[in-house]
Amino acid sequence: MPDQEIVVRLCESLIRTSKAQSAAQQLIRTQRILQYFGMGITIAAAFLAPRSATGIGKSILSDQRDSEIREWEKYNTGYLKQTLRRLEKQKLIERVRQDGREVLKISATGRTKVLYNALESLGLTSKKWDGFWRIVMYDIENSRKKEQYLIRRLFRKLGMYPLQKSVYLFPFQCFDEIEYIRSLYGLTGKVIYIVAKTIENDGPYREFFGV
């Protein structure tokens, strides 16, 4: 099961990016709704009742900043209800009892979906070198060749340098990205993240990364 804290941090980052890219968008997209749930939001299930007149602002039960509640209130209520019902049907959100009432919250399947969606746009936000090298190694059983292939593909997508078959080098902070990958594929203990101050004969690596 994906680590909840990792998913929350990821969703907060994705929401910030989404706001910057689509501030004028009128209808909230499904992925963005799921990202809000991934941040820990819960909504009163009564919001989806056929004749409910309660607005989304009053249906949000978890601690949210006023600015985030206003974001929800911008969107078409009918579309929002339709999207929530679809997410529930897909088992990405679920109904649970909380503090004596029925609420909608993200499911384990939904947290996994957030991570899968994030991998589609996986990239590093920091490209400023702090003088330390990141070495990422993996030791995955041959019976999990699919995971071996995916790990290599994702590391290359991040721009890492292959030192050896299962050892990659990178100069920039990438711990969160590695955590997302480990959490998604159940590879805790299989992928090791090392920070090193020096690597001998690092001239070719500096040239490769431009640092």
N, C-alpha and C. Protein backbone atom coordinates (compact mmCIF):
# COMPACT_ATOMS: atom_id res chain seq x y z
N MET A 1 0.85 -1.19 0.00
CA MET A 1 0.00 0.00 0.00
C MET A 1 0.89 1.24 0.00
N PRO A 2 0.60 2.24 -0.86
CA PRO A 2 1.43 3.44 -0.91
C PRO A 2 1.45 4.17 0.43
N ASP A 3 2.62 4.71 0.80
CA ASP A 3 2.76 5.45 2.03
C ASP A 3 1.93 6.73 1.97
N GLN A 4 1.06 6.95 2.98
CA GLN A 4 0.13 8.07 2.95
C GLN A 4 0.85 9.41 2.99
N GLU A 5 1.91 9.52 3.79
CA GLU A 5 2.63 10.79 3.89
C GLU A 5 3.25 11.18 2.56
N ILE A 6 3.79 10.18 1.84
CA ILE A 6 4.38 10.44 0.53
C ILE A 6 3.31 10.96 -0.42
N VAL A 7 2.14 10.32 -0.40
CA VAL A 7 1.05 10.72 -1.30
C VAL A 7 0.60 12.14 -0.99
N VAL A 8 0.50 12.50 0.30
CA VAL A 8 0.08 13.85 0.68
C VAL A 8 1.06 14.89 0.14
N ARG A 9 2.37 14.65 0.33
CA ARG A 9 3.37 15.60 -0.17
C ARG A 9 3.31 15.72 -1.68
N LEU A 10 3.14 14.59 -2.34
CA LEU A 10 3.06 14.59 -3.80
C LEU A 10 1.84 15.36 -4.27
N CYS A 11 0.69 15.13 -3.64
CA CYS A 11 -0.54 15.81 -4.05
C CYS A 11 -0.43 17.32 -3.84
N GLU A 12 0.17 17.74 -2.75
CA GLU A 12 0.34 19.18 -2.51
C GLU A 12 1.17 19.80 -3.62
N SER A 13 2.23 19.10 -4.04
CA SER A 13 3.08 19.59 -5.12
C SER A 13 2.33 19.63 -6.44
N LEU A 14 1.56 18.58 -6.73
CA LEU A 14 0.81 18.52 -7.98
C LEU A 14 -0.27 19.59 -8.04
N ILE A 15 -0.92 19.86 -6.91
CA ILE A 15 -1.95 20.90 -6.87
C ILE A 15 -1.34 22.26 -7.17
N ARG A 16 -0.18 22.55 -6.58
CA ARG A 16 0.47 23.84 -6.84
C ARG A 16 0.80 23.98 -8.32
N THR A 17 1.30 22.91 -8.93
CA THR A 17 1.62 22.93 -10.35
C THR A 17 0.37 23.09 -11.19
N SER A 18 -0.69 22.39 -10.81
CA SER A 18 -1.94 22.44 -11.56
C SER A 18 -2.54 23.83 -11.52
N LYS A 19 -2.49 24.50 -10.38
CA LYS A 19 -3.03 25.85 -10.27
C LYS A 19 -2.28 26.81 -11.18
N ALA A 20 -0.98 26.63 -11.25
CA ALA A 20 -0.17 27.52 -12.08
C ALA A 20 -0.45 27.31 -13.56
N GLN A 21 -0.77 26.07 -13.94
CA GLN A 21 -0.94 25.75 -15.35
C GLN A 21 -2.36 25.96 -15.85
N SER A 22 -3.37 25.90 -14.97
CA SER A 22 -4.75 25.95 -15.45
C SER A 22 -5.64 26.81 -14.56
N ALA A 23 -5.16 28.01 -14.24
CA ALA A 23 -5.90 28.88 -13.34
C ALA A 23 -7.24 29.30 -13.92
N ALA A 24 -7.35 29.36 -15.25
CA ALA A 24 -8.58 29.82 -15.88
C ALA A 24 -9.56 28.68 -16.16
N GLN A 25 -9.21 27.47 -15.83
CA GLN A 25 -10.07 26.33 -16.14
C GLN A 25 -11.32 26.36 -15.27
N GLN A 26 -12.50 26.17 -15.86
CA GLN A 26 -13.76 26.27 -15.12
C GLN A 26 -14.17 24.94 -14.49
N LEU A 27 -13.93 23.87 -15.17
CA LEU A 27 -14.34 22.56 -14.65
C LEU A 27 -13.12 21.85 -14.07
N ILE A 28 -13.24 21.46 -12.82
CA ILE A 28 -12.12 20.79 -12.17
C ILE A 28 -11.94 19.41 -12.79
N ARG A 29 -10.74 19.07 -13.16
CA ARG A 29 -10.48 17.80 -13.80
C ARG A 29 -10.40 16.68 -12.77
N THR A 30 -10.67 15.47 -13.25
CA THR A 30 -10.72 14.32 -12.36
C THR A 30 -9.42 14.14 -11.58
N GLN A 31 -8.29 14.26 -12.24
CA GLN A 31 -7.02 14.07 -11.56
C GLN A 31 -6.84 15.07 -10.43
N ARG A 32 -7.26 16.29 -10.67
CA ARG A 32 -7.07 17.32 -9.64
C ARG A 32 -7.98 17.05 -8.44
N ILE A 33 -9.20 16.58 -8.69
CA ILE A 33 -10.09 16.22 -7.59
C ILE A 33 -9.44 15.13 -6.74
N LEU A 34 -8.89 14.12 -7.41
CA LEU A 34 -8.26 13.02 -6.69
C LEU A 34 -7.04 13.50 -5.91
N GLN A 35 -6.33 14.48 -6.46
CA GLN A 35 -5.17 15.03 -5.75
C GLN A 35 -5.60 15.74 -4.47
N TYR A 36 -6.75 16.44 -4.51
CA TYR A 36 -7.25 17.07 -3.29
C TYR A 36 -7.58 16.01 -2.24
N PHE A 37 -8.21 14.93 -2.67
CA PHE A 37 -8.48 13.84 -1.73
C PHE A 37 -7.17 13.27 -1.19
N GLY A 38 -6.16 13.19 -2.06
CA GLY A 38 -4.86 12.67 -1.63
C GLY A 38 -4.20 13.53 -0.58
N MET A 39 -4.56 14.82 -0.52
CA MET A 39 -4.02 15.71 0.50
C MET A 39 -4.67 15.47 1.86
N GLY A 40 -5.71 14.62 1.88
CA GLY A 40 -6.36 14.30 3.15
C GLY A 40 -7.76 14.85 3.29
N ILE A 41 -8.29 15.44 2.22
CA ILE A 41 -9.62 16.02 2.30
C ILE A 41 -10.68 14.93 2.46
N THR A 42 -11.73 15.22 3.23
CA THR A 42 -12.90 14.35 3.31
C THR A 42 -14.14 15.20 3.05
N ILE A 43 -15.13 14.60 2.41
CA ILE A 43 -16.36 15.30 2.04
C ILE A 43 -17.54 14.51 2.58
N ALA A 44 -18.51 15.20 3.13
CA ALA A 44 -19.72 14.54 3.63
C ALA A 44 -20.40 13.80 2.48
N ALA A 45 -20.68 12.51 2.70
CA ALA A 45 -21.30 11.70 1.64
C ALA A 45 -22.68 12.24 1.27
N ALA A 46 -23.31 12.98 2.19
CA ALA A 46 -24.63 13.56 1.92
C ALA A 46 -24.59 14.54 0.75
N PHE A 47 -23.41 15.04 0.41
CA PHE A 47 -23.28 15.96 -0.72
C PHE A 47 -23.77 15.31 -2.01
N LEU A 48 -23.66 13.97 -2.09
CA LEU A 48 -24.06 13.25 -3.30
C LEU A 48 -25.51 12.79 -3.27
N ALA A 49 -26.22 13.10 -2.20
CA ALA A 49 -27.64 12.72 -2.13
C ALA A 49 -28.39 13.39 -3.28
N PRO A 50 -29.36 12.69 -3.91
CA PRO A 50 -30.05 13.21 -5.10
C PRO A 50 -30.62 14.61 -4.96
N ARG A 51 -31.21 14.94 -3.81
CA ARG A 51 -31.86 16.24 -3.65
C ARG A 51 -31.09 17.15 -2.69
N SER A 52 -29.83 16.85 -2.48
CA SER A 52 -29.04 17.66 -1.55
C SER A 52 -28.83 19.06 -2.10
N ALA A 53 -29.08 20.05 -1.25
CA ALA A 53 -28.87 21.45 -1.64
C ALA A 53 -27.64 22.04 -0.95
N THR A 54 -26.93 21.21 -0.19
CA THR A 54 -25.75 21.68 0.53
C THR A 54 -24.60 21.91 -0.45
N GLY A 55 -23.99 23.08 -0.38
CA GLY A 55 -22.87 23.39 -1.27
C GLY A 55 -21.61 22.64 -0.88
N ILE A 56 -20.66 22.60 -1.80
CA ILE A 56 -19.43 21.86 -1.55
C ILE A 56 -18.64 22.48 -0.41
N GLY A 57 -18.69 23.80 -0.26
CA GLY A 57 -17.93 24.46 0.80
C GLY A 57 -18.29 23.95 2.18
N LYS A 58 -19.60 23.74 2.42
CA LYS A 58 -20.05 23.26 3.73
C LYS A 58 -19.93 21.74 3.85
N SER A 59 -19.67 21.06 2.74
CA SER A 59 -19.56 19.60 2.77
C SER A 59 -18.14 19.13 3.04
N ILE A 60 -17.17 20.03 2.90
CA ILE A 60 -15.78 19.67 3.17
C ILE A 60 -15.58 19.63 4.68
N LEU A 61 -15.17 18.46 5.19
CA LEU A 61 -15.11 18.27 6.63
C LEU A 61 -13.70 18.38 7.19
N SER A 62 -12.69 18.08 6.38
CA SER A 62 -11.32 18.12 6.88
C SER A 62 -10.82 19.55 6.94
N ASP A 63 -9.73 19.74 7.67
CA ASP A 63 -9.17 21.08 7.82
C ASP A 63 -8.56 21.53 6.50
N GLN A 64 -9.19 22.50 5.88
CA GLN A 64 -8.69 23.06 4.64
C GLN A 64 -8.61 24.57 4.78
N ARG A 65 -7.63 25.16 4.12
CA ARG A 65 -7.52 26.61 4.13
C ARG A 65 -8.69 27.21 3.35
N ASP A 66 -9.10 28.41 3.76
CA ASP A 66 -10.23 29.08 3.09
C ASP A 66 -9.98 29.21 1.59
N SER A 67 -8.72 29.45 1.22
CA SER A 67 -8.40 29.61 -0.20
C SER A 67 -8.66 28.32 -0.97
N GLU A 68 -8.41 27.16 -0.33
CA GLU A 68 -8.65 25.89 -1.01
C GLU A 68 -10.14 25.60 -1.13
N ILE A 69 -10.91 25.96 -0.10
CA ILE A 69 -12.36 25.78 -0.18
C ILE A 69 -12.94 26.65 -1.29
N ARG A 70 -12.43 27.87 -1.41
CA ARG A 70 -12.91 28.75 -2.48
C ARG A 70 -12.59 28.17 -3.86
N GLU A 71 -11.46 27.45 -3.97
CA GLU A 71 -11.12 26.80 -5.23
C GLU A 71 -12.21 25.80 -5.62
N TRP A 72 -12.67 25.00 -4.65
CA TRP A 72 -13.72 24.02 -4.92
C TRP A 72 -15.02 24.71 -5.32
N GLU A 73 -15.32 25.82 -4.68
CA GLU A 73 -16.60 26.50 -4.91
C GLU A 73 -16.68 27.15 -6.29
N LYS A 74 -15.56 27.26 -6.97
CA LYS A 74 -15.55 27.87 -8.31
C LYS A 74 -16.18 26.95 -9.36
N TYR A 75 -16.21 25.66 -9.08
CA TYR A 75 -16.53 24.70 -10.12
C TYR A 75 -17.99 24.31 -10.13
N ASN A 76 -18.42 23.84 -11.28
CA ASN A 76 -19.79 23.44 -11.52
C ASN A 76 -20.20 22.30 -10.58
N THR A 77 -21.25 22.51 -9.79
CA THR A 77 -21.66 21.53 -8.78
C THR A 77 -22.09 20.21 -9.42
N GLY A 78 -22.86 20.30 -10.51
CA GLY A 78 -23.32 19.08 -11.18
C GLY A 78 -22.17 18.25 -11.70
N TYR A 79 -21.19 18.91 -12.30
CA TYR A 79 -20.02 18.20 -12.81
C TYR A 79 -19.23 17.57 -11.67
N LEU A 80 -19.10 18.32 -10.57
CA LEU A 80 -18.35 17.83 -9.43
C LEU A 80 -19.00 16.58 -8.84
N LYS A 81 -20.33 16.60 -8.69
CA LYS A 81 -21.03 15.42 -8.17
C LYS A 81 -20.87 14.23 -9.11
N GLN A 82 -20.98 14.48 -10.40
CA GLN A 82 -20.83 13.42 -11.39
C GLN A 82 -19.44 12.79 -11.30
N THR A 83 -18.43 13.65 -11.14
CA THR A 83 -17.05 13.16 -11.06
C THR A 83 -16.82 12.36 -9.78
N LEU A 84 -17.38 12.83 -8.66
CA LEU A 84 -17.23 12.10 -7.40
C LEU A 84 -17.89 10.73 -7.48
N ARG A 85 -19.06 10.66 -8.11
CA ARG A 85 -19.73 9.36 -8.26
C ARG A 85 -18.89 8.42 -9.12
N ARG A 86 -18.26 8.98 -10.15
CA ARG A 86 -17.42 8.14 -11.02
C ARG A 86 -16.19 7.64 -10.26
N LEU A 87 -15.58 8.51 -9.47
CA LEU A 87 -14.43 8.10 -8.67
C LEU A 87 -14.80 7.02 -7.67
N GLU A 88 -16.01 7.15 -7.10
CA GLU A 88 -16.46 6.13 -6.15
C GLU A 88 -16.71 4.80 -6.86
N LYS A 89 -17.30 4.86 -8.04
CA LYS A 89 -17.56 3.64 -8.82
C LYS A 89 -16.25 2.95 -9.20
N GLN A 90 -15.22 3.74 -9.46
CA GLN A 90 -13.90 3.20 -9.82
C GLN A 90 -13.10 2.78 -8.58
N LYS A 91 -13.70 2.97 -7.40
CA LYS A 91 -13.07 2.60 -6.12
C LYS A 91 -11.82 3.42 -5.82
N LEU A 92 -11.76 4.64 -6.37
CA LEU A 92 -10.65 5.53 -6.09
C LEU A 92 -10.91 6.36 -4.83
N ILE A 93 -12.20 6.57 -4.52
CA ILE A 93 -12.60 7.12 -3.23
C ILE A 93 -13.61 6.15 -2.64
N GLU A 94 -13.80 6.22 -1.33
CA GLU A 94 -14.70 5.27 -0.67
C GLU A 94 -15.47 5.95 0.44
N ARG A 95 -16.58 5.32 0.83
CA ARG A 95 -17.39 5.81 1.94
C ARG A 95 -16.95 5.11 3.22
N VAL A 96 -16.70 5.89 4.26
CA VAL A 96 -16.33 5.34 5.56
C VAL A 96 -17.07 6.12 6.64
N ARG A 97 -17.19 5.51 7.82
CA ARG A 97 -17.77 6.20 8.97
C ARG A 97 -16.67 6.95 9.70
N GLN A 98 -16.90 8.22 9.95
CA GLN A 98 -15.90 9.04 10.62
C GLN A 98 -16.61 10.04 11.52
N ASP A 99 -16.32 9.99 12.80
CA ASP A 99 -16.94 10.90 13.77
C ASP A 99 -18.46 10.85 13.69
N GLY A 100 -18.99 9.64 13.51
CA GLY A 100 -20.44 9.46 13.54
C GLY A 100 -21.16 9.79 12.26
N ARG A 101 -20.46 10.09 11.19
CA ARG A 101 -21.13 10.37 9.92
C ARG A 101 -20.41 9.67 8.78
N GLU A 102 -21.12 9.53 7.66
CA GLU A 102 -20.55 8.88 6.48
C GLU A 102 -19.83 9.93 5.63
N VAL A 103 -18.58 9.63 5.28
CA VAL A 103 -17.79 10.59 4.51
C VAL A 103 -17.14 9.89 3.32
N LEU A 104 -16.72 10.71 2.37
CA LEU A 104 -15.96 10.24 1.21
C LEU A 104 -14.49 10.59 1.42
N LYS A 105 -13.61 9.62 1.21
CA LYS A 105 -12.18 9.88 1.33
C LYS A 105 -11.44 9.00 0.33
N ILE A 106 -10.18 9.31 0.10
CA ILE A 106 -9.40 8.55 -0.87
C ILE A 106 -9.18 7.13 -0.37
N SER A 107 -9.18 6.17 -1.29
CA SER A 107 -8.94 4.77 -0.95
C SER A 107 -7.48 4.41 -1.23
N ALA A 108 -7.08 3.21 -0.84
CA ALA A 108 -5.72 2.74 -1.14
C ALA A 108 -5.51 2.69 -2.65
N THR A 109 -6.55 2.28 -3.38
CA THR A 109 -6.46 2.25 -4.85
C THR A 109 -6.29 3.66 -5.39
N GLY A 110 -6.97 4.63 -4.77
CA GLY A 110 -6.85 6.02 -5.21
C GLY A 110 -5.46 6.57 -4.99
N ARG A 111 -4.84 6.22 -3.84
CA ARG A 111 -3.47 6.69 -3.58
C ARG A 111 -2.50 6.12 -4.62
N THR A 112 -2.70 4.85 -4.98
CA THR A 112 -1.86 4.24 -6.01
C THR A 112 -2.05 4.95 -7.35
N LYS A 113 -3.30 5.30 -7.66
CA LYS A 113 -3.60 6.00 -8.91
C LYS A 113 -2.89 7.35 -8.97
N VAL A 114 -2.86 8.07 -7.84
CA VAL A 114 -2.16 9.35 -7.79
C VAL A 114 -0.70 9.17 -8.15
N LEU A 115 -0.08 8.13 -7.61
CA LEU A 115 1.33 7.89 -7.89
C LEU A 115 1.55 7.53 -9.36
N TYR A 116 0.67 6.71 -9.92
CA TYR A 116 0.80 6.36 -11.34
C TYR A 116 0.69 7.62 -12.20
N ASN A 117 -0.29 8.47 -11.90
CA ASN A 117 -0.47 9.70 -12.68
C ASN A 117 0.76 10.60 -12.57
N ALA A 118 1.34 10.65 -11.37
CA ALA A 118 2.51 11.50 -11.15
C ALA A 118 3.70 11.03 -11.97
N LEU A 119 3.83 9.72 -12.15
CA LEU A 119 4.96 9.20 -12.91
C LEU A 119 4.92 9.63 -14.37
N GLU A 120 3.71 9.92 -14.87
CA GLU A 120 3.59 10.35 -16.25
C GLU A 120 4.27 11.70 -16.48
N SER A 121 4.33 12.51 -15.42
CA SER A 121 4.96 13.83 -15.55
C SER A 121 6.14 13.95 -14.59
N LEU A 122 6.75 12.81 -14.27
CA LEU A 122 7.83 12.80 -13.31
C LEU A 122 8.99 13.66 -13.79
N GLY A 123 9.45 14.55 -12.95
CA GLY A 123 10.57 15.40 -13.28
C GLY A 123 11.10 16.05 -12.02
N LEU A 124 12.26 16.62 -12.11
CA LEU A 124 12.89 17.21 -10.94
C LEU A 124 12.69 18.72 -10.93
N THR A 125 12.35 19.25 -9.75
CA THR A 125 12.10 20.68 -9.64
C THR A 125 13.38 21.46 -9.33
N SER A 126 14.39 20.79 -8.79
CA SER A 126 15.63 21.47 -8.41
C SER A 126 16.77 21.05 -9.34
N LYS A 127 17.41 22.02 -9.97
CA LYS A 127 18.56 21.74 -10.82
C LYS A 127 19.77 22.56 -10.36
N LYS A 128 19.80 22.91 -9.07
CA LYS A 128 20.93 23.63 -8.51
C LYS A 128 21.77 22.66 -7.70
N TRP A 129 23.04 22.52 -8.10
CA TRP A 129 23.89 21.53 -7.45
C TRP A 129 24.42 22.04 -6.12
N ASP A 130 24.32 21.21 -5.09
CA ASP A 130 24.79 21.57 -3.75
C ASP A 130 26.16 20.98 -3.45
N GLY A 131 26.81 20.38 -4.46
CA GLY A 131 28.14 19.83 -4.27
C GLY A 131 28.15 18.36 -3.85
N PHE A 132 26.98 17.76 -3.67
CA PHE A 132 26.89 16.36 -3.28
C PHE A 132 26.38 15.52 -4.46
N TRP A 133 26.87 14.29 -4.52
CA TRP A 133 26.41 13.35 -5.54
C TRP A 133 25.36 12.41 -4.95
N ARG A 134 24.36 12.07 -5.77
CA ARG A 134 23.35 11.08 -5.37
C ARG A 134 23.60 9.80 -6.15
N ILE A 135 23.74 8.72 -5.42
CA ILE A 135 23.94 7.40 -6.02
C ILE A 135 22.72 6.55 -5.68
N VAL A 136 22.09 6.02 -6.70
CA VAL A 136 20.89 5.20 -6.49
C VAL A 136 21.18 3.80 -7.03
N MET A 137 21.02 2.81 -6.16
CA MET A 137 21.28 1.42 -6.53
C MET A 137 20.01 0.60 -6.32
N TYR A 138 19.82 -0.40 -7.15
CA TYR A 138 18.69 -1.29 -6.92
C TYR A 138 19.13 -2.75 -7.02
N ASP A 139 18.48 -3.58 -6.25
CA ASP A 139 18.73 -5.02 -6.24
C ASP A 139 17.38 -5.71 -6.25
N ILE A 140 16.88 -5.96 -7.44
CA ILE A 140 15.54 -6.52 -7.63
C ILE A 140 15.66 -7.92 -8.22
N GLU A 141 14.90 -8.86 -7.67
CA GLU A 141 14.98 -10.24 -8.11
C GLU A 141 14.69 -10.37 -9.60
N ASN A 142 15.33 -11.36 -10.24
CA ASN A 142 15.11 -11.60 -11.67
C ASN A 142 13.66 -11.99 -11.97
N SER A 143 12.95 -12.46 -10.95
CA SER A 143 11.55 -12.82 -11.14
C SER A 143 10.67 -11.58 -11.30
N ARG A 144 11.25 -10.40 -11.05
CA ARG A 144 10.52 -9.14 -11.18
C ARG A 144 11.14 -8.30 -12.30
N LYS A 145 11.25 -8.90 -13.46
CA LYS A 145 11.89 -8.23 -14.60
C LYS A 145 11.11 -6.98 -15.03
N LYS A 146 9.79 -7.00 -14.86
CA LYS A 146 8.99 -5.83 -15.23
C LYS A 146 9.41 -4.63 -14.39
N GLU A 147 9.58 -4.84 -13.08
CA GLU A 147 10.01 -3.75 -12.20
C GLU A 147 11.42 -3.30 -12.54
N GLN A 148 12.31 -4.24 -12.89
CA GLN A 148 13.67 -3.87 -13.29
C GLN A 148 13.63 -2.94 -14.50
N TYR A 149 12.83 -3.30 -15.48
CA TYR A 149 12.72 -2.48 -16.69
C TYR A 149 12.15 -1.10 -16.37
N LEU A 150 11.09 -1.05 -15.56
CA LEU A 150 10.46 0.22 -15.23
C LEU A 150 11.41 1.13 -14.46
N ILE A 151 12.16 0.56 -13.52
CA ILE A 151 13.11 1.35 -12.75
C ILE A 151 14.16 1.97 -13.66
N ARG A 152 14.71 1.18 -14.57
CA ARG A 152 15.72 1.71 -15.50
C ARG A 152 15.13 2.82 -16.36
N ARG A 153 13.90 2.61 -16.83
CA ARG A 153 13.26 3.62 -17.68
C ARG A 153 13.02 4.91 -16.92
N LEU A 154 12.56 4.81 -15.67
CA LEU A 154 12.27 5.99 -14.87
C LEU A 154 13.55 6.74 -14.50
N PHE A 155 14.61 6.00 -14.18
CA PHE A 155 15.88 6.65 -13.85
C PHE A 155 16.43 7.41 -15.05
N ARG A 156 16.29 6.83 -16.22
CA ARG A 156 16.75 7.53 -17.43
C ARG A 156 15.88 8.76 -17.69
N LYS A 157 14.59 8.64 -17.42
CA LYS A 157 13.69 9.78 -17.60
C LYS A 157 14.08 10.94 -16.69
N LEU A 158 14.56 10.61 -15.50
CA LEU A 158 15.02 11.64 -14.57
C LEU A 158 16.35 12.25 -15.02
N GLY A 159 17.04 11.58 -15.95
CA GLY A 159 18.31 12.10 -16.44
C GLY A 159 19.52 11.56 -15.71
N MET A 160 19.37 10.43 -15.03
CA MET A 160 20.48 9.86 -14.27
C MET A 160 21.52 9.22 -15.20
N TYR A 161 22.74 9.15 -14.68
CA TYR A 161 23.86 8.57 -15.43
C TYR A 161 24.08 7.13 -14.96
N PRO A 162 24.06 6.14 -15.88
CA PRO A 162 24.26 4.74 -15.46
C PRO A 162 25.74 4.44 -15.22
N LEU A 163 26.11 4.31 -13.94
CA LEU A 163 27.49 3.96 -13.60
C LEU A 163 27.76 2.49 -13.88
N GLN A 164 26.81 1.65 -13.50
CA GLN A 164 26.86 0.22 -13.76
C GLN A 164 25.45 -0.24 -14.10
N LYS A 165 25.26 -1.53 -14.23
CA LYS A 165 23.97 -2.06 -14.66
C LYS A 165 22.84 -1.64 -13.73
N SER A 166 23.08 -1.63 -12.43
CA SER A 166 22.02 -1.30 -11.48
C SER A 166 22.43 -0.17 -10.54
N VAL A 167 23.37 0.67 -10.99
CA VAL A 167 23.85 1.79 -10.18
C VAL A 167 23.79 3.06 -11.03
N TYR A 168 23.11 4.08 -10.50
CA TYR A 168 22.92 5.33 -11.25
C TYR A 168 23.42 6.51 -10.44
N LEU A 169 23.89 7.53 -11.16
CA LEU A 169 24.47 8.72 -10.53
C LEU A 169 23.67 9.95 -10.92
N PHE A 170 23.54 10.88 -9.95
CA PHE A 170 22.82 12.13 -10.21
C PHE A 170 23.34 13.20 -9.26
N PRO A 171 23.47 14.45 -9.72
CA PRO A 171 24.00 15.49 -8.84
C PRO A 171 22.95 16.26 -8.04
N PHE A 172 21.67 16.11 -8.39
CA PHE A 172 20.64 16.94 -7.79
C PHE A 172 19.77 16.15 -6.80
N GLN A 173 19.14 16.87 -5.89
CA GLN A 173 18.24 16.27 -4.92
C GLN A 173 17.11 15.52 -5.64
N CYS A 174 16.93 14.25 -5.31
CA CYS A 174 15.86 13.47 -5.96
C CYS A 174 15.28 12.43 -5.00
N PHE A 175 15.42 12.68 -3.69
CA PHE A 175 14.95 11.70 -2.71
C PHE A 175 13.45 11.47 -2.79
N ASP A 176 12.65 12.55 -2.92
CA ASP A 176 11.20 12.38 -2.98
C ASP A 176 10.79 11.55 -4.18
N GLU A 177 11.43 11.80 -5.33
CA GLU A 177 11.09 11.04 -6.53
C GLU A 177 11.39 9.55 -6.34
N ILE A 178 12.53 9.25 -5.71
CA ILE A 178 12.88 7.85 -5.44
C ILE A 178 11.88 7.24 -4.47
N GLU A 179 11.45 8.01 -3.48
CA GLU A 179 10.46 7.52 -2.52
C GLU A 179 9.14 7.20 -3.22
N TYR A 180 8.71 8.06 -4.16
CA TYR A 180 7.47 7.81 -4.89
C TYR A 180 7.57 6.48 -5.63
N ILE A 181 8.71 6.28 -6.30
CA ILE A 181 8.90 5.06 -7.10
C ILE A 181 8.92 3.83 -6.20
N ARG A 182 9.64 3.92 -5.08
CA ARG A 182 9.70 2.78 -4.15
C ARG A 182 8.32 2.45 -3.60
N SER A 183 7.58 3.49 -3.24
CA SER A 183 6.26 3.29 -2.66
C SER A 183 5.31 2.66 -3.67
N LEU A 184 5.34 3.15 -4.90
CA LEU A 184 4.42 2.67 -5.92
C LEU A 184 4.64 1.21 -6.25
N TYR A 185 5.91 0.81 -6.40
CA TYR A 185 6.21 -0.54 -6.84
C TYR A 185 6.56 -1.50 -5.70
N GLY A 186 6.42 -1.06 -4.46
CA GLY A 186 6.70 -1.94 -3.33
C GLY A 186 8.16 -2.35 -3.28
N LEU A 187 9.06 -1.37 -3.45
CA LEU A 187 10.49 -1.68 -3.54
C LEU A 187 11.29 -1.12 -2.37
N THR A 188 10.63 -0.89 -1.24
CA THR A 188 11.35 -0.45 -0.05
C THR A 188 12.39 -1.50 0.32
N GLY A 189 13.63 -1.08 0.49
CA GLY A 189 14.72 -2.01 0.79
C GLY A 189 15.38 -2.56 -0.45
N LYS A 190 14.74 -2.38 -1.61
CA LYS A 190 15.30 -2.87 -2.87
C LYS A 190 16.02 -1.77 -3.64
N VAL A 191 15.66 -0.52 -3.35
CA VAL A 191 16.28 0.63 -4.01
C VAL A 191 16.93 1.49 -2.93
N ILE A 192 18.23 1.69 -3.04
CA ILE A 192 19.00 2.39 -2.01
C ILE A 192 19.44 3.76 -2.53
N TYR A 193 19.27 4.77 -1.69
CA TYR A 193 19.61 6.16 -2.03
C TYR A 193 20.80 6.58 -1.17
N ILE A 194 21.90 6.99 -1.81
CA ILE A 194 23.12 7.37 -1.10
C ILE A 194 23.51 8.79 -1.50
N VAL A 195 23.94 9.58 -0.51
CA VAL A 195 24.47 10.92 -0.77
C VAL A 195 25.96 10.89 -0.48
N ALA A 196 26.77 11.26 -1.47
CA ALA A 196 28.23 11.21 -1.33
C ALA A 196 28.84 12.58 -1.61
N LYS A 197 29.84 12.94 -0.80
CA LYS A 197 30.49 14.24 -0.97
C LYS A 197 31.44 14.22 -2.16
N THR A 198 32.18 13.14 -2.32
CA THR A 198 33.16 13.09 -3.41
C THR A 198 33.08 11.76 -4.15
N ILE A 199 33.40 11.81 -5.42
CA ILE A 199 33.58 10.62 -6.25
C ILE A 199 34.87 10.84 -7.03
N GLU A 200 35.78 9.89 -6.95
CA GLU A 200 37.07 10.10 -7.61
C GLU A 200 36.90 10.13 -9.13
N ASN A 201 37.76 10.93 -9.74
CA ASN A 201 37.75 11.07 -11.20
C ASN A 201 36.36 11.45 -11.72
N ASP A 202 35.78 12.49 -11.09
CA ASP A 202 34.41 12.85 -11.44
C ASP A 202 34.30 13.84 -12.60
N GLY A 203 35.43 14.12 -13.26
CA GLY A 203 35.42 15.06 -14.37
C GLY A 203 34.39 14.74 -15.45
N PRO A 204 34.36 13.49 -15.94
CA PRO A 204 33.38 13.14 -16.98
C PRO A 204 31.93 13.30 -16.51
N TYR A 205 31.68 13.04 -15.22
CA TYR A 205 30.32 13.16 -14.70
C TYR A 205 29.91 14.63 -14.60
N ARG A 206 30.86 15.47 -14.16
CA ARG A 206 30.58 16.91 -14.10
C ARG A 206 30.27 17.45 -15.49
N GLU A 207 31.04 16.99 -16.47
CA GLU A 207 30.82 17.43 -17.84
C GLU A 207 29.46 16.96 -18.35
N PHE A 208 29.10 15.72 -18.03
CA PHE A 208 27.83 15.15 -18.48
C PHE A 208 26.65 15.96 -17.95
N PHE A 209 26.72 16.34 -16.65
CA PHE A 209 25.61 17.05 -16.02
C PHE A 209 25.75 18.57 -16.10
N GLY A 210 26.91 19.05 -16.54
CA GLY A 210 27.11 20.49 -16.64
C GLY A 210 27.23 21.17 -15.29
N VAL A 211 27.90 20.51 -14.34
CA VAL A 211 28.06 21.10 -12.99
C VAL A 211 29.54 21.30 -12.68
